[in-house]
Amino acid sequence: MTGGFFPPTRASVVEALRSGDAAERERALGTLVAAYWRPVYRHVRRKWGKGHEEAADLTQDFFAELLTRDLLARYDARKARLRTYLRLCVDGLAANAAKAASRQKRGGGAAPLSLDFEGAREELERRAPGSDETPERAFETEWARSVLALALERLAVALEGRGKGIAHPLFEICELGAGAEAPSYAELAERFGVSVSDVTNGLSLARREFRRTVLDLLRELTGSEEELRLETRALLGIDVP
């Protein structure tokens, strides 16, 4: 899984956040935040009934405490998935929100993360929850959405960097069309000014590399091979190659 456009698989964020290399820790935190900030924000609002401002503050607090209290040191992949463990940590933080609010400075003085909480609020309030959707299920759904969105971002950057940028919009049109009927390959070729074979090859490349990008991301976001297998089945419906 190390050939092609992408760098060798990176270490799990569980390990990387405890690295002596500051750049490695920063990269790991960025991955963790990108995958989890929306699920955390949504969970605090849904389960704990917090308003927008308090939910945004608690989300910031969560990632600050993740580092300052080294919460991942207590994570045991044999007992729970990482996303389950992190959700329980969020619940612990929310349960002590009154105590947290009394601190002189929330988040231990850590610099706030730059996150689009206004966009998250609009999206959350626009989407009505399913009648049988529990807060725990909502957290998992938002996690899956965030992981796939992050994988798409990485895919776009990697393909563009190798001069294969056309593959990404083709992938979005054909695979992410939100139920709309995809145009024919001939129509796509005319739209982008390329040959039909270019469309075929571009889509094949994007599909293959997107799956690999998701797998690499899941390797970062899991703490064991067993957890990786479980998350791969949950997200992609396949077994780890």
Protein backbone atom coordinates (compact mmCIF):
# COMPACT_ATOMS: atom_id res chain seq x y z
CA MET A 1 0.00 0.00 0.00
CA THR A 2 2.92 2.39 -0.39
CA GLY A 3 3.20 2.80 -4.16
CA GLY A 4 1.52 5.26 -6.52
CA PHE A 5 0.96 8.87 -5.62
CA PHE A 6 0.76 8.55 -1.87
CA PRO A 7 3.40 8.51 0.86
CA PRO A 8 3.95 5.40 3.03
CA THR A 9 1.19 4.74 5.54
CA ARG A 10 1.61 6.97 8.58
CA ALA A 11 1.57 5.85 12.16
CA SER A 12 -1.64 5.80 14.14
CA VAL A 13 -2.54 9.13 15.71
CA VAL A 14 -2.56 7.31 19.04
CA GLU A 15 1.21 6.85 18.69
CA ALA A 16 1.95 10.04 16.77
CA LEU A 17 0.38 12.35 19.37
CA ARG A 18 2.93 11.07 21.88
CA SER A 19 5.88 11.42 19.53
CA GLY A 20 8.94 13.44 20.49
CA ASP A 21 8.74 15.09 17.06
CA ALA A 22 6.66 18.28 17.28
CA ALA A 23 5.82 18.19 13.56
CA GLU A 24 4.56 14.63 13.90
CA ARG A 25 2.37 15.58 16.86
CA GLU A 26 0.97 18.57 14.99
CA ARG A 27 0.17 16.44 11.93
CA ALA A 28 -1.54 13.81 14.08
CA LEU A 29 -3.61 16.43 15.89
CA GLY A 30 -4.67 17.92 12.57
CA THR A 31 -5.87 14.53 11.35
CA LEU A 32 -7.73 13.82 14.59
CA VAL A 33 -9.38 17.24 14.65
CA ALA A 34 -10.44 17.00 11.00
CA ALA A 35 -12.04 13.61 11.58
CA TYR A 36 -13.68 14.34 14.92
CA TRP A 37 -14.56 17.98 15.51
CA ARG A 38 -17.92 17.82 13.75
CA PRO A 39 -18.95 14.56 15.48
CA VAL A 40 -17.95 16.06 18.84
CA TYR A 41 -19.84 19.31 18.24
CA ARG A 42 -22.94 17.48 17.03
CA HIS A 43 -22.83 15.02 19.95
CA VAL A 44 -22.58 17.77 22.56
CA ARG A 45 -25.56 19.54 21.05
CA ARG A 46 -27.70 16.43 20.54
CA LYS A 47 -27.00 14.39 23.65
CA TRP A 48 -26.24 17.14 26.14
CA GLY A 49 -28.64 19.78 24.84
CA LYS A 50 -26.01 22.50 24.69
CA GLY A 51 -26.51 25.62 22.64
CA HIS A 52 -24.23 26.54 19.76
CA GLU A 53 -21.78 28.70 21.69
CA GLU A 54 -21.33 26.28 24.59
CA ALA A 55 -21.04 23.30 22.25
CA ALA A 56 -18.32 25.11 20.28
CA ASP A 57 -16.47 25.93 23.53
CA LEU A 58 -16.71 22.35 24.75
CA THR A 59 -15.43 21.06 21.42
CA GLN A 60 -12.41 23.35 21.71
CA ASP A 61 -11.95 22.20 25.31
CA PHE A 62 -12.06 18.57 24.30
CA PHE A 63 -9.12 18.77 21.92
CA ALA A 64 -7.14 20.90 24.38
CA GLU A 65 -7.67 18.36 27.15
CA LEU A 66 -6.89 15.51 24.80
CA LEU A 67 -3.33 16.83 24.76
CA THR A 68 -2.90 18.43 28.16
CA ARG A 69 -4.31 15.44 30.02
CA ASP A 70 -2.90 12.86 27.58
CA LEU A 71 -6.29 11.17 27.32
CA LEU A 72 -5.09 8.71 24.71
CA ALA A 73 -2.67 7.20 27.23
CA ARG A 74 -5.66 5.39 28.73
CA TYR A 75 -7.03 4.17 25.41
CA ASP A 76 -7.03 0.37 25.04
CA ALA A 77 -7.88 -0.85 21.54
CA ARG A 78 -8.73 -4.28 22.99
CA LYS A 79 -11.68 -2.80 24.89
CA ALA A 80 -13.21 -0.27 22.51
CA ARG A 81 -12.88 1.41 19.15
CA LEU A 82 -11.08 4.73 19.21
CA ARG A 83 -14.22 6.61 18.20
CA THR A 84 -16.16 4.98 21.03
CA TYR A 85 -13.46 5.88 23.54
CA LEU A 86 -13.32 9.49 22.34
CA ARG A 87 -17.10 9.80 22.54
CA LEU A 88 -16.99 8.63 26.15
CA CYS A 89 -14.28 11.22 26.86
CA VAL A 90 -16.55 13.88 25.37
CA ASP A 91 -19.37 12.69 27.61
CA GLY A 92 -17.11 13.01 30.63
CA LEU A 93 -16.18 16.56 29.66
CA ALA A 94 -19.79 17.55 29.04
CA ALA A 95 -20.90 16.05 32.35
CA ASN A 96 -18.42 18.31 34.12
CA ALA A 97 -19.26 21.36 32.02
CA ALA A 98 -20.21 23.45 35.05
CA LYS A 99 -16.83 22.79 36.63
CA ALA A 100 -15.09 23.48 33.33
CA ALA A 101 -16.97 26.78 32.99
CA SER A 102 -15.66 27.91 36.37
CA ARG A 103 -12.04 27.63 35.30
CA GLN A 104 -10.24 30.93 34.86
CA LYS A 105 -9.35 30.07 31.31
CA ARG A 106 -10.98 27.24 29.36
CA GLY A 107 -8.86 24.76 27.46
CA GLY A 108 -5.86 25.22 29.73
CA GLY A 109 -4.85 28.36 27.85
CA ALA A 110 -4.39 26.49 24.56
CA ALA A 111 -4.78 28.48 21.35
CA PRO A 112 -8.29 27.94 19.91
CA LEU A 113 -8.58 25.81 16.80
CA SER A 114 -9.84 27.47 13.63
CA LEU A 115 -13.03 25.54 12.95
CA ASP A 116 -16.15 26.42 10.99
CA PHE A 117 -18.65 26.16 13.84
CA GLU A 118 -21.13 28.48 12.11
CA GLY A 119 -21.20 26.18 9.11
CA ALA A 120 -21.61 23.17 11.39
CA ARG A 121 -24.52 24.85 13.18
CA GLU A 122 -26.31 25.63 9.92
CA GLU A 123 -25.82 22.10 8.67
CA LEU A 124 -26.98 20.53 11.93
CA GLU A 125 -30.09 22.68 12.18
CA ARG A 126 -30.92 22.02 8.52
CA ARG A 127 -30.75 18.24 8.86
CA ALA A 128 -33.58 16.71 10.88
CA PRO A 129 -32.45 13.63 12.85
CA GLY A 130 -34.03 10.28 12.01
CA SER A 131 -36.73 9.08 14.36
CA ASP A 132 -34.58 6.15 15.51
CA GLU A 133 -31.25 7.99 15.51
CA THR A 134 -29.68 7.90 18.95
CA PRO A 135 -26.96 10.42 19.91
CA GLU A 136 -24.44 7.58 19.73
CA ARG A 137 -25.57 6.64 16.23
CA ALA A 138 -25.50 10.30 15.19
CA PHE A 139 -21.89 10.50 16.40
CA GLU A 140 -20.94 7.49 14.27
CA THR A 141 -22.73 8.90 11.22
CA GLU A 142 -20.96 12.25 11.55
CA TRP A 143 -17.65 10.46 12.04
CA ALA A 144 -18.12 8.54 8.79
CA ARG A 145 -19.02 11.75 6.93
CA SER A 146 -15.93 13.50 8.31
CA VAL A 147 -13.57 10.65 7.43
CA LEU A 148 -14.86 10.46 3.86
CA ALA A 149 -14.69 14.26 3.48
CA LEU A 150 -11.09 14.28 4.71
CA ALA A 151 -10.24 11.45 2.31
CA LEU A 152 -11.71 13.46 -0.57
CA GLU A 153 -9.58 16.46 0.37
CA ARG A 154 -6.44 14.34 0.41
CA LEU A 155 -7.38 12.71 -2.87
CA ALA A 156 -7.86 16.07 -4.60
CA VAL A 157 -4.48 17.38 -3.42
CA ALA A 158 -2.63 14.20 -4.40
CA LEU A 159 -4.18 13.94 -7.87
CA GLU A 160 -3.66 17.63 -8.60
CA GLY A 161 -0.05 17.39 -7.48
CA ARG A 162 0.62 14.71 -10.08
CA GLY A 163 -1.15 16.44 -12.94
CA LYS A 164 -4.21 14.18 -12.71
CA GLY A 165 -6.58 16.86 -11.46
CA ILE A 166 -9.32 15.96 -13.94
CA ALA A 167 -9.78 12.62 -12.18
CA HIS A 168 -11.13 14.30 -9.06
CA PRO A 169 -14.05 16.26 -10.62
CA LEU A 170 -14.91 13.17 -12.67
CA PHE A 171 -15.06 11.16 -9.45
CA GLU A 172 -17.26 13.76 -7.75
CA ILE A 173 -19.70 13.86 -10.67
CA CYS A 174 -20.01 10.10 -11.07
CA GLU A 175 -19.71 8.92 -7.46
CA LEU A 176 -20.99 11.86 -5.39
CA GLY A 177 -23.87 13.05 -7.52
CA ALA A 178 -26.37 12.84 -4.63
CA GLY A 179 -28.77 10.59 -6.52
CA ALA A 180 -28.62 12.47 -9.82
CA GLU A 181 -28.12 10.39 -12.93
CA ALA A 182 -24.47 10.62 -13.96
CA PRO A 183 -23.72 11.86 -17.47
CA SER A 184 -22.38 9.37 -20.00
CA TYR A 185 -18.65 9.05 -20.50
CA ALA A 186 -19.08 10.65 -23.93
CA GLU A 187 -20.84 13.66 -22.35
CA LEU A 188 -18.09 13.97 -19.74
CA ALA A 189 -15.41 13.76 -22.42
CA GLU A 190 -17.06 16.61 -24.33
CA ARG A 191 -17.51 18.68 -21.15
CA PHE A 192 -13.86 18.39 -20.12
CA GLY A 193 -12.39 18.42 -23.61
CA VAL A 194 -10.75 15.00 -23.33
CA SER A 195 -11.19 11.58 -24.91
CA VAL A 196 -13.59 8.93 -23.63
CA SER A 197 -10.60 6.77 -22.72
CA ASP A 198 -9.25 9.65 -20.61
CA VAL A 199 -12.56 9.70 -18.73
CA THR A 200 -12.47 5.93 -18.23
CA ASN A 201 -8.87 5.96 -17.04
CA GLY A 202 -9.39 9.01 -14.81
CA LEU A 203 -12.38 7.47 -13.07
CA SER A 204 -10.61 4.16 -12.60
CA LEU A 205 -7.63 5.94 -11.08
CA ALA A 206 -9.77 8.11 -8.78
CA ARG A 207 -11.85 5.18 -7.53
CA ARG A 208 -8.77 3.09 -6.82
CA GLU A 209 -6.89 5.88 -5.10
CA PHE A 210 -9.91 7.04 -3.11
CA ARG A 211 -10.30 3.61 -1.56
CA ARG A 212 -6.61 3.52 -0.78
CA THR A 213 -6.78 7.01 0.73
CA VAL A 214 -9.65 5.97 2.99
CA LEU A 215 -7.74 2.86 4.08
CA ASP A 216 -4.62 4.88 4.87
CA LEU A 217 -6.70 7.36 6.84
CA LEU A 218 -8.36 4.56 8.80
CA ARG A 219 -4.92 3.18 9.62
CA GLU A 220 -4.13 6.55 11.19
CA LEU A 221 -7.41 6.65 13.09
CA THR A 222 -7.31 3.18 14.63
CA GLY A 223 -5.18 1.66 17.35
CA SER A 224 -4.93 -1.97 16.25
CA GLU A 225 -5.27 -4.25 13.24
CA GLU A 226 -8.54 -5.64 14.61
CA GLU A 227 -9.99 -2.15 14.97
CA LEU A 228 -8.83 -1.35 11.44
CA ARG A 229 -10.69 -4.40 10.13
CA LEU A 230 -13.85 -3.39 11.99
CA GLU A 231 -13.76 0.21 10.81
CA THR A 232 -12.99 -0.78 7.21
CA ARG A 233 -16.01 -3.07 7.15
CA ALA A 234 -18.17 -0.35 8.74
CA LEU A 235 -17.10 2.40 6.36
CA LEU A 236 -16.32 0.61 3.09
CA GLY A 237 -18.05 -2.73 3.52
CA ILE A 238 -14.86 -4.61 2.63
CA ASP A 239 -12.13 -6.53 4.40
CA VAL A 240 -8.68 -4.99 4.66
CA PRO A 241 -6.69 -6.05 1.56
